[in-house]
Amino acid sequence: MRDVALNPSTNIDSESETPRLNRRQAAKVRTRQKVLEAARQLFAERGYEPATIRDIAKGAGMSTGAVFANFQDKAELFEAVLSEDMLKLAETLKAAAASETSVRARLLAALTAGYHSSLELLPLVQAVVARSWFQPVAAEMRTRDAIKPLVSVVTDALQAGVREGELRQDADVRLLGDLIYDAYLSNYRRAAYDGWTIQQLTAQLGKQVDVILAGQISRQ
């Protein structure tokens, strides 16, 4: 079968094999996506630990064996959900930032959009933060890669501020980006434990951004 697929000069059966292979591949993609959607819903409702593979399989309408055929374990499944969601969220942040003209407005627009998109999934956010303290080093590196698109939106806004003369030319954009993203993430604790609304989170973030950027504003 492998030789047929690789050698176009093989007999006519090679043409009949291609559609069947494509259908199988398409079916596998659909199965994988159904598992991801069921896992995302359960992680968002319950967090990481209470969401079991059995319940995820049930939510996807398939067996646990079908889940394990696509993912090695729950950790790998969680990372796949995280990667997909972070890419989508980054696009949301980029679009929000693009509508503003000042560095502060870009940052607040982008990160407020992040709160709007993810506050309903608070158990999932908590699971990401909680696991980051206890996962193996390799998993931590993958998590960092997954959130890079979000941090990039912040650093892009800061770099634009440097180019446009709002921020000092020697501003440490990478450090500022990390500080602002960390502040953004830390505010979810207020939402989780103090019931803060998006308006309260945004107001707090505005103050944090002002403090972080206070020494970086250009005096030209």
C-alpha atoms as a PDB file:
ATOM      1  CA  MET A   1       0.000   0.000   0.000  1.00  0.00           C
ATOM      2  CA  ARG A   2       2.798   2.411   0.870  1.00  0.00           C
ATOM      3  CA  ASP A   3       4.607   1.676  -2.424  1.00  0.00           C
ATOM      4  CA  VAL A   4       1.430   2.329  -4.383  1.00  0.00           C
ATOM      5  CA  ALA A   5       0.978   5.685  -2.720  1.00  0.00           C
ATOM      6  CA  LEU A   6       4.568   6.747  -3.353  1.00  0.00           C
ATOM      7  CA  ASN A   7       5.023   5.485  -6.916  1.00  0.00           C
ATOM      8  CA  PRO A   8       2.745   7.131  -9.510  1.00  0.00           C
ATOM      9  CA  SER A   9       3.831   4.614 -12.158  1.00  0.00           C
ATOM     10  CA  THR A  10       2.355   1.719 -10.189  1.00  0.00           C
ATOM     11  CA  ASN A  11      -0.717   0.026 -11.667  1.00  0.00           C
ATOM     12  CA  ILE A  12      -4.114   1.656 -12.037  1.00  0.00           C
ATOM     13  CA  ASP A  13      -5.100   0.673  -8.492  1.00  0.00           C
ATOM     14  CA  SER A  14      -3.104   3.688  -7.291  1.00  0.00           C
ATOM     15  CA  GLU A  15      -5.856   5.990  -8.578  1.00  0.00           C
ATOM     16  CA  SER A  16      -8.565   4.088  -6.744  1.00  0.00           C
ATOM     17  CA  GLU A  17      -6.593   4.116  -3.493  1.00  0.00           C
ATOM     18  CA  THR A  18      -6.260   7.920  -3.260  1.00  0.00           C
ATOM     19  CA  PRO A  19      -9.943   8.777  -2.628  1.00  0.00           C
ATOM     20  CA  ARG A  20     -10.192   6.093   0.085  1.00  0.00           C
ATOM     21  CA  LEU A  21      -7.063   7.403   1.800  1.00  0.00           C
ATOM     22  CA  ASN A  22      -8.383  10.947   1.627  1.00  0.00           C
ATOM     23  CA  ARG A  23     -11.699   9.893   3.106  1.00  0.00           C
ATOM     24  CA  ARG A  24      -9.951   8.131   5.965  1.00  0.00           C
ATOM     25  CA  GLN A  25      -7.785  11.156   6.599  1.00  0.00           C
ATOM     26  CA  ALA A  26     -10.813  13.446   6.531  1.00  0.00           C
ATOM     27  CA  ALA A  27     -12.658  11.151   8.932  1.00  0.00           C
ATOM     28  CA  LYS A  28      -9.671  11.185  11.299  1.00  0.00           C
ATOM     29  CA  VAL A  29      -9.590  14.982  11.210  1.00  0.00           C
ATOM     30  CA  ARG A  30     -13.321  15.119  12.009  1.00  0.00           C
ATOM     31  CA  THR A  31     -12.896  12.659  14.875  1.00  0.00           C
ATOM     32  CA  ARG A  32      -9.974  14.613  16.287  1.00  0.00           C
ATOM     33  CA  GLN A  33     -11.948  17.847  16.102  1.00  0.00           C
ATOM     34  CA  LYS A  34     -14.956  16.303  17.851  1.00  0.00           C
ATOM     35  CA  VAL A  35     -12.675  15.165  20.666  1.00  0.00           C
ATOM     36  CA  LEU A  36     -11.117  18.624  20.927  1.00  0.00           C
ATOM     37  CA  GLU A  37     -14.526  20.306  21.067  1.00  0.00           C
ATOM     38  CA  ALA A  38     -15.800  17.943  23.749  1.00  0.00           C
ATOM     39  CA  ALA A  39     -12.583  18.371  25.750  1.00  0.00           C
ATOM     40  CA  ARG A  40     -12.710  22.151  25.439  1.00  0.00           C
ATOM     41  CA  GLN A  41     -16.264  22.211  26.777  1.00  0.00           C
ATOM     42  CA  LEU A  42     -15.445  20.002  29.745  1.00  0.00           C
ATOM     43  CA  PHE A  43     -12.202  21.803  30.591  1.00  0.00           C
ATOM     44  CA  ALA A  44     -14.098  25.102  30.433  1.00  0.00           C
ATOM     45  CA  GLU A  45     -16.867  23.800  32.687  1.00  0.00           C
ATOM     46  CA  ARG A  46     -14.849  21.791  35.210  1.00  0.00           C
ATOM     47  CA  GLY A  47     -11.175  22.657  34.879  1.00  0.00           C
ATOM     48  CA  TYR A  48      -8.419  20.153  34.157  1.00  0.00           C
ATOM     49  CA  GLU A  49      -8.483  17.573  36.942  1.00  0.00           C
ATOM     50  CA  PRO A  50     -12.249  16.852  37.118  1.00  0.00           C
ATOM     51  CA  ALA A  51     -12.532  16.409  33.343  1.00  0.00           C
ATOM     52  CA  THR A  52     -11.924  12.718  32.658  1.00  0.00           C
ATOM     53  CA  ILE A  53     -11.122  10.988  29.377  1.00  0.00           C
ATOM     54  CA  ARG A  54     -14.258   8.890  29.862  1.00  0.00           C
ATOM     55  CA  ASP A  55     -16.424  12.002  30.107  1.00  0.00           C
ATOM     56  CA  ILE A  56     -14.656  13.624  27.162  1.00  0.00           C
ATOM     57  CA  ALA A  57     -15.275  10.524  25.057  1.00  0.00           C
ATOM     58  CA  LYS A  58     -18.920  10.496  26.095  1.00  0.00           C
ATOM     59  CA  GLY A  59     -19.258  14.168  25.170  1.00  0.00           C
ATOM     60  CA  ALA A  60     -17.755  13.450  21.755  1.00  0.00           C
ATOM     61  CA  GLY A  61     -20.073  10.480  21.260  1.00  0.00           C
ATOM     62  CA  MET A  62     -17.290   7.921  20.943  1.00  0.00           C
ATOM     63  CA  SER A  63     -15.293   5.373  22.901  1.00  0.00           C
ATOM     64  CA  THR A  64     -12.291   6.099  25.087  1.00  0.00           C
ATOM     65  CA  GLY A  65     -10.290   4.031  22.619  1.00  0.00           C
ATOM     66  CA  ALA A  66     -11.120   6.519  19.878  1.00  0.00           C
ATOM     67  CA  VAL A  67      -9.841   9.331  22.076  1.00  0.00           C
ATOM     68  CA  PHE A  68      -6.578   7.499  22.774  1.00  0.00           C
ATOM     69  CA  ALA A  69      -6.203   6.800  19.063  1.00  0.00           C
ATOM     70  CA  ASN A  70      -5.830  10.551  18.572  1.00  0.00           C
ATOM     71  CA  PHE A  71      -4.176  11.676  21.808  1.00  0.00           C
ATOM     72  CA  GLN A  72      -1.664   9.936  24.046  1.00  0.00           C
ATOM     73  CA  ASP A  73      -3.259  11.164  27.276  1.00  0.00           C
ATOM     74  CA  LYS A  74      -5.302  13.948  28.831  1.00  0.00           C
ATOM     75  CA  ALA A  75      -2.269  16.220  29.102  1.00  0.00           C
ATOM     76  CA  GLU A  76      -1.634  16.053  25.358  1.00  0.00           C
ATOM     77  CA  LEU A  77      -5.320  16.697  24.714  1.00  0.00           C
ATOM     78  CA  PHE A  78      -5.269  19.704  27.026  1.00  0.00           C
ATOM     79  CA  GLU A  79      -2.220  21.121  25.249  1.00  0.00           C
ATOM     80  CA  ALA A  80      -3.940  20.710  21.880  1.00  0.00           C
ATOM     81  CA  VAL A  81      -6.985  22.606  23.129  1.00  0.00           C
ATOM     82  CA  LEU A  82      -4.735  25.308  24.560  1.00  0.00           C
ATOM     83  CA  SER A  83      -2.779  25.724  21.311  1.00  0.00           C
ATOM     84  CA  GLU A  84      -5.936  26.068  19.217  1.00  0.00           C
ATOM     85  CA  ASP A  85      -7.539  28.510  21.619  1.00  0.00           C
ATOM     86  CA  MET A  86      -4.446  30.694  21.967  1.00  0.00           C
ATOM     87  CA  LEU A  87      -4.149  31.107  18.191  1.00  0.00           C
ATOM     88  CA  LYS A  88      -7.803  32.114  17.915  1.00  0.00           C
ATOM     89  CA  LEU A  89      -7.516  34.454  20.884  1.00  0.00           C
ATOM     90  CA  ALA A  90      -4.419  36.087  19.410  1.00  0.00           C
ATOM     91  CA  GLU A  91      -6.379  36.939  16.264  1.00  0.00           C
ATOM     92  CA  THR A  92      -9.092  38.522  18.413  1.00  0.00           C
ATOM     93  CA  LEU A  93      -6.496  40.609  20.256  1.00  0.00           C
ATOM     94  CA  LYS A  94      -4.816  41.707  17.008  1.00  0.00           C
ATOM     95  CA  ALA A  95      -8.110  42.868  15.530  1.00  0.00           C
ATOM     96  CA  ALA A  96      -8.953  44.871  18.661  1.00  0.00           C
ATOM     97  CA  ALA A  97      -5.511  46.501  18.789  1.00  0.00           C
ATOM     98  CA  ALA A  98      -5.671  47.459  15.103  1.00  0.00           C
ATOM     99  CA  SER A  99      -8.617  49.764  15.731  1.00  0.00           C
ATOM    100  CA  GLU A 100      -6.619  52.060  18.058  1.00  0.00           C
ATOM    101  CA  THR A 101      -3.859  54.612  17.444  1.00  0.00           C
ATOM    102  CA  SER A 102      -1.995  55.076  20.760  1.00  0.00           C
ATOM    103  CA  VAL A 103       0.100  52.446  22.495  1.00  0.00           C
ATOM    104  CA  ARG A 104      -1.987  52.541  25.674  1.00  0.00           C
ATOM    105  CA  ALA A 105      -5.251  52.301  23.756  1.00  0.00           C
ATOM    106  CA  ARG A 106      -3.933  49.408  21.678  1.00  0.00           C
ATOM    107  CA  LEU A 107      -2.861  47.489  24.739  1.00  0.00           C
ATOM    108  CA  LEU A 108      -6.107  48.023  26.627  1.00  0.00           C
ATOM    109  CA  ALA A 109      -8.280  47.280  23.594  1.00  0.00           C
ATOM    110  CA  ALA A 110      -6.426  44.046  22.884  1.00  0.00           C
ATOM    111  CA  LEU A 111      -6.343  42.758  26.445  1.00  0.00           C
ATOM    112  CA  THR A 112      -9.920  43.804  27.203  1.00  0.00           C
ATOM    113  CA  ALA A 113     -10.924  41.762  24.158  1.00  0.00           C
ATOM    114  CA  GLY A 114      -9.028  38.911  25.786  1.00  0.00           C
ATOM    115  CA  TYR A 115     -11.093  39.235  28.936  1.00  0.00           C
ATOM    116  CA  HIS A 116     -14.300  39.339  26.898  1.00  0.00           C
ATOM    117  CA  SER A 117     -13.325  36.178  25.009  1.00  0.00           C
ATOM    118  CA  SER A 118     -12.110  34.098  27.921  1.00  0.00           C
ATOM    119  CA  LEU A 119     -13.888  35.176  31.096  1.00  0.00           C
ATOM    120  CA  GLU A 120     -16.697  32.698  30.443  1.00  0.00           C
ATOM    121  CA  LEU A 121     -14.026  29.980  30.310  1.00  0.00           C
ATOM    122  CA  LEU A 122     -12.558  30.855  33.686  1.00  0.00           C
ATOM    123  CA  PRO A 123     -12.049  27.232  34.845  1.00  0.00           C
ATOM    124  CA  LEU A 124      -9.981  26.661  31.702  1.00  0.00           C
ATOM    125  CA  VAL A 125      -7.852  29.741  32.432  1.00  0.00           C
ATOM    126  CA  GLN A 126      -7.389  28.561  36.018  1.00  0.00           C
ATOM    127  CA  ALA A 127      -6.375  25.128  34.761  1.00  0.00           C
ATOM    128  CA  VAL A 128      -3.717  26.645  32.498  1.00  0.00           C
ATOM    129  CA  VAL A 129      -2.267  28.697  35.345  1.00  0.00           C
ATOM    130  CA  ALA A 130      -2.445  25.864  37.898  1.00  0.00           C
ATOM    131  CA  ARG A 131      -0.805  23.307  35.626  1.00  0.00           C
ATOM    132  CA  SER A 132       2.008  25.713  34.768  1.00  0.00           C
ATOM    133  CA  TRP A 133       3.357  25.264  38.314  1.00  0.00           C
ATOM    134  CA  PHE A 134       3.357  21.475  38.321  1.00  0.00           C
ATOM    135  CA  GLN A 135       3.913  20.242  34.772  1.00  0.00           C
ATOM    136  CA  PRO A 136       7.198  18.769  33.481  1.00  0.00           C
ATOM    137  CA  VAL A 137       9.730  21.124  31.934  1.00  0.00           C
ATOM    138  CA  ALA A 138       8.986  19.942  28.388  1.00  0.00           C
ATOM    139  CA  ALA A 139       5.266  20.613  28.883  1.00  0.00           C
ATOM    140  CA  GLU A 140       6.066  24.049  30.305  1.00  0.00           C
ATOM    141  CA  MET A 141       8.064  24.886  27.180  1.00  0.00           C
ATOM    142  CA  ARG A 142       5.140  23.839  24.993  1.00  0.00           C
ATOM    143  CA  THR A 143       2.786  25.976  27.064  1.00  0.00           C
ATOM    144  CA  ARG A 144       5.085  28.957  26.626  1.00  0.00           C
ATOM    145  CA  ASP A 145       5.090  28.369  22.879  1.00  0.00           C
ATOM    146  CA  ALA A 146       1.285  28.255  22.918  1.00  0.00           C
ATOM    147  CA  ILE A 147       0.956  31.675  24.587  1.00  0.00           C
ATOM    148  CA  LYS A 148       3.638  33.348  22.459  1.00  0.00           C
ATOM    149  CA  PRO A 149       1.046  34.663  19.964  1.00  0.00           C
ATOM    150  CA  LEU A 150      -0.695  36.543  22.810  1.00  0.00           C
ATOM    151  CA  VAL A 151       2.517  38.047  24.143  1.00  0.00           C
ATOM    152  CA  SER A 152       3.443  39.000  20.580  1.00  0.00           C
ATOM    153  CA  VAL A 153       0.308  41.133  20.284  1.00  0.00           C
ATOM    154  CA  VAL A 154       1.459  43.069  23.350  1.00  0.00           C
ATOM    155  CA  THR A 155       5.051  43.468  22.151  1.00  0.00           C
ATOM    156  CA  ASP A 156       3.859  44.483  18.678  1.00  0.00           C
ATOM    157  CA  ALA A 157       1.818  47.297  20.233  1.00  0.00           C
ATOM    158  CA  LEU A 158       4.843  48.387  22.250  1.00  0.00           C
ATOM    159  CA  GLN A 159       7.145  48.288  19.229  1.00  0.00           C
ATOM    160  CA  ALA A 160       4.663  50.457  17.352  1.00  0.00           C
ATOM    161  CA  GLY A 161       4.820  52.893  20.249  1.00  0.00           C
ATOM    162  CA  VAL A 162       8.610  53.044  19.920  1.00  0.00           C
ATOM    163  CA  ARG A 163       8.443  53.566  16.158  1.00  0.00           C
ATOM    164  CA  GLU A 164       5.849  56.301  16.495  1.00  0.00           C
ATOM    165  CA  GLY A 165       7.786  58.123  19.209  1.00  0.00           C
ATOM    166  CA  GLU A 166       5.370  57.486  22.077  1.00  0.00           C
ATOM    167  CA  LEU A 167       7.871  55.313  23.932  1.00  0.00           C
ATOM    168  CA  ARG A 168      11.577  55.832  24.439  1.00  0.00           C
ATOM    169  CA  GLN A 169      13.834  54.427  21.746  1.00  0.00           C
ATOM    170  CA  ASP A 170      15.737  52.412  24.348  1.00  0.00           C
ATOM    171  CA  ALA A 171      12.579  50.890  25.849  1.00  0.00           C
ATOM    172  CA  ASP A 172      13.010  47.193  26.686  1.00  0.00           C
ATOM    173  CA  VAL A 173      10.021  45.997  24.696  1.00  0.00           C
ATOM    174  CA  ARG A 174      10.436  42.343  25.622  1.00  0.00           C
ATOM    175  CA  LEU A 175      10.544  43.055  29.357  1.00  0.00           C
ATOM    176  CA  LEU A 176       7.633  45.485  29.160  1.00  0.00           C
ATOM    177  CA  GLY A 177       5.625  42.940  27.200  1.00  0.00           C
ATOM    178  CA  ASP A 178       6.233  40.234  29.782  1.00  0.00           C
ATOM    179  CA  LEU A 179       5.278  42.564  32.640  1.00  0.00           C
ATOM    180  CA  ILE A 180       2.052  43.692  30.966  1.00  0.00           C
ATOM    181  CA  TYR A 181       1.041  40.148  30.013  1.00  0.00           C
ATOM    182  CA  ASP A 182       1.764  38.922  33.551  1.00  0.00           C
ATOM    183  CA  ALA A 183      -0.389  41.737  34.948  1.00  0.00           C
ATOM    184  CA  TYR A 184      -3.178  40.850  32.537  1.00  0.00           C
ATOM    185  CA  LEU A 185      -3.038  37.190  33.551  1.00  0.00           C
ATOM    186  CA  SER A 186      -2.846  37.899  37.278  1.00  0.00           C
ATOM    187  CA  ASN A 187      -6.134  39.793  37.192  1.00  0.00           C
ATOM    188  CA  TYR A 188      -8.025  36.585  36.483  1.00  0.00           C
ATOM    189  CA  ARG A 189      -7.591  35.810  40.168  1.00  0.00           C
ATOM    190  CA  ARG A 190      -9.792  38.828  40.908  1.00  0.00           C
ATOM    191  CA  ALA A 191     -12.427  37.437  38.577  1.00  0.00           C
ATOM    192  CA  ALA A 192     -12.187  33.952  40.081  1.00  0.00           C
ATOM    193  CA  TYR A 193     -12.161  34.860  43.775  1.00  0.00           C
ATOM    194  CA  ASP A 194     -13.610  38.362  44.009  1.00  0.00           C
ATOM    195  CA  GLY A 195     -16.173  38.236  41.228  1.00  0.00           C
ATOM    196  CA  TRP A 196     -14.694  41.148  39.308  1.00  0.00           C
ATOM    197  CA  THR A 197     -16.437  42.177  36.116  1.00  0.00           C
ATOM    198  CA  ILE A 198     -14.732  42.933  32.821  1.00  0.00           C
ATOM    199  CA  GLN A 199     -15.093  46.639  33.581  1.00  0.00           C
ATOM    200  CA  GLN A 200     -13.249  46.217  36.889  1.00  0.00           C
ATOM    201  CA  LEU A 201     -10.570  44.082  35.278  1.00  0.00           C
ATOM    202  CA  THR A 202     -10.028  46.639  32.522  1.00  0.00           C
ATOM    203  CA  ALA A 203      -9.821  49.523  35.000  1.00  0.00           C
ATOM    204  CA  GLN A 204      -7.240  47.611  37.043  1.00  0.00           C
ATOM    205  CA  LEU A 205      -5.257  46.730  33.932  1.00  0.00           C
ATOM    206  CA  GLY A 206      -5.255  50.369  32.845  1.00  0.00           C
ATOM    207  CA  LYS A 207      -3.632  51.349  36.134  1.00  0.00           C
ATOM    208  CA  GLN A 208      -1.093  48.547  35.824  1.00  0.00           C
ATOM    209  CA  VAL A 209      -0.177  49.539  32.260  1.00  0.00           C
ATOM    210  CA  ASP A 210       0.249  53.166  33.350  1.00  0.00           C
ATOM    211  CA  VAL A 211       2.643  52.168  36.129  1.00  0.00           C
ATOM    212  CA  ILE A 212       4.632  49.817  33.898  1.00  0.00           C
ATOM    213  CA  LEU A 213       4.988  52.396  31.122  1.00  0.00           C
ATOM    214  CA  ALA A 214       5.509  55.409  33.410  1.00  0.00           C
ATOM    215  CA  GLY A 215       9.264  55.546  32.917  1.00  0.00           C
ATOM    216  CA  GLN A 216       9.124  54.652  29.242  1.00  0.00           C
ATOM    217  CA  ILE A 217       7.127  57.561  27.829  1.00  0.00           C
ATOM    218  CA  SER A 218       9.136  59.593  25.329  1.00  0.00           C
ATOM    219  CA  ARG A 219       9.857  63.184  26.399  1.00  0.00           C
ATOM    220  CA  GLN A 220      10.510  64.428  22.870  1.00  0.00           C
END
